[in-house]
Structures are given as structure tokens and as C-alpha cells.
Amino acid sequence: MTAPDNATTAHPRTRSMESWRGRKAVLASRGETTGPRVEECAAALDWWRNRATFVKAGVSEAAAEDLADQLDQQAEADTESPAAAAL
């Protein structure tokens, strides 16, 4: 039995970094190492790592979250753009 595709993805803020790590580990323990749910976890963990880097650099938490959101949106735009694939 395969898991149904979930068209909506949760924003990384909906869970803590530890929760995303745990979810990814649970998926891996059940043999799910690829797929949309694993990609969602990986993207959320990237968002949290970016946020942590900004906070460590002295940016306020609110501003760090805004910057992490902007990076996330730019990454999505780059992967959807055919011009980005040509580079």
C-alpha cells in the first residue's frame, strides 16, 4: 500500500526542527526514503537551517523567518523556471 499524495504542504513553522527531523526519521524507518513527504521534510529542515544561520548572524528571529521564506520562494521559482534548468 502506498501513501496518497498530499497536494498541500505544511509550512516549516508548523513544526519545530526536531519534529521535522523525527518525521523524516520515521519515514526512513518505514522504508520511505524518497517521495513527496520526504522532500517536504527536507525542504522544511533546509528552511530551519537557513533561519538558524540568520539568527546566529545576529538577525532577529522575525526577520530571519522572513529571509528564510524569501529564500524558500526563490528556490521554488528557480526550480519551476525553464530558464533555470538551462543554466
Protein backbone atom coordinates (compact mmCIF):
# COMPACT_ATOMS: atom_id res chain seq x y z
CA MET A 1 0.00 0.00 0.00
CA THR A 2 1.34 3.39 -0.92
CA ALA A 3 0.57 6.63 0.84
CA PRO A 4 -1.68 9.05 -1.01
CA ASP A 5 -0.06 12.16 -2.44
CA ASN A 6 -0.80 15.17 -0.31
CA ALA A 7 -1.31 18.21 -2.54
CA THR A 8 -0.80 20.64 0.33
CA THR A 9 2.46 21.03 2.14
CA ALA A 10 2.85 22.35 5.63
CA HIS A 11 4.87 25.49 6.25
CA PRO A 12 8.09 24.66 8.13
CA ARG A 13 6.93 26.86 11.01
CA THR A 14 4.06 24.45 11.76
CA ARG A 15 6.57 22.10 13.41
CA SER A 16 9.84 22.51 15.25
CA MET A 17 13.09 21.49 13.62
CA GLU A 18 13.22 18.49 15.94
CA SER A 19 9.74 17.45 14.86
CA TRP A 20 10.69 17.60 11.17
CA ARG A 21 13.81 15.53 11.89
CA GLY A 22 11.71 13.00 13.74
CA ARG A 23 9.16 12.79 10.96
CA LYS A 24 11.87 12.23 8.37
CA ALA A 25 13.42 9.54 10.56
CA VAL A 26 10.07 7.78 10.98
CA LEU A 27 9.54 7.82 7.22
CA ALA A 28 13.02 6.38 6.68
CA SER A 29 12.46 3.69 9.31
CA ARG A 30 9.42 2.57 7.36
CA GLY A 31 11.41 2.42 4.13
CA GLU A 32 10.22 5.69 2.64
CA THR A 33 13.42 7.44 1.62
CA THR A 34 12.13 9.22 -1.47
CA GLY A 35 8.87 10.86 -2.39
CA PRO A 36 6.89 13.98 -1.66
CA ARG A 37 6.69 13.53 2.12
CA VAL A 38 10.45 13.05 2.40
CA GLU A 39 11.01 16.07 0.13
CA GLU A 40 8.67 18.11 2.32
CA CYS A 41 10.72 17.20 5.40
CA ALA A 42 13.99 18.00 3.65
CA ALA A 43 12.68 21.39 2.48
CA ALA A 44 11.41 22.20 5.98
CA LEU A 45 14.75 21.26 7.51
CA ASP A 46 16.52 23.50 4.97
CA TRP A 47 14.20 26.36 5.99
CA TRP A 48 15.04 25.81 9.68
CA ARG A 49 18.78 25.64 8.95
CA ASN A 50 18.61 28.91 7.00
CA ARG A 51 16.66 30.52 9.83
CA ALA A 52 19.20 29.32 12.40
CA THR A 53 22.07 30.67 10.30
CA PHE A 54 20.44 34.10 10.11
CA VAL A 55 19.72 34.17 13.84
CA LYS A 56 23.30 33.13 14.60
CA ALA A 57 24.50 36.01 12.39
CA GLY A 58 22.59 38.45 14.59
CA VAL A 59 19.34 38.84 12.66
CA SER A 60 16.17 38.97 14.77
CA GLU A 61 14.01 35.84 14.76
CA ALA A 62 11.16 37.54 12.90
CA ALA A 63 13.49 38.92 10.24
CA ALA A 64 15.26 35.55 9.98
CA GLU A 65 11.94 33.86 9.28
CA ASP A 66 11.12 36.43 6.60
CA LEU A 67 14.52 35.90 4.97
CA ALA A 68 14.12 32.12 5.13
CA ASP A 69 10.70 32.47 3.49
CA GLN A 70 12.20 34.60 0.72
CA LEU A 71 14.94 32.03 0.09
CA ASP A 72 12.35 29.28 0.01
CA GLN A 73 10.20 31.18 -2.50
CA GLN A 74 13.23 31.92 -4.67
CA ALA A 75 14.27 28.27 -4.64
CA GLU A 76 10.76 27.25 -5.72
CA ALA A 77 10.78 29.84 -8.51
CA ASP A 78 14.18 28.64 -9.70
CA THR A 79 13.07 25.01 -9.88
CA GLU A 80 9.87 25.93 -11.75
CA SER A 81 11.60 28.21 -14.25
CA PRO A 82 12.66 26.56 -17.53
CA ALA A 83 15.44 29.15 -17.84
CA ALA A 84 16.95 27.93 -14.56
CA ALA A 85 17.20 24.42 -15.96
CA ALA A 86 19.14 25.69 -18.95
CA LEU A 87 21.89 27.22 -16.79
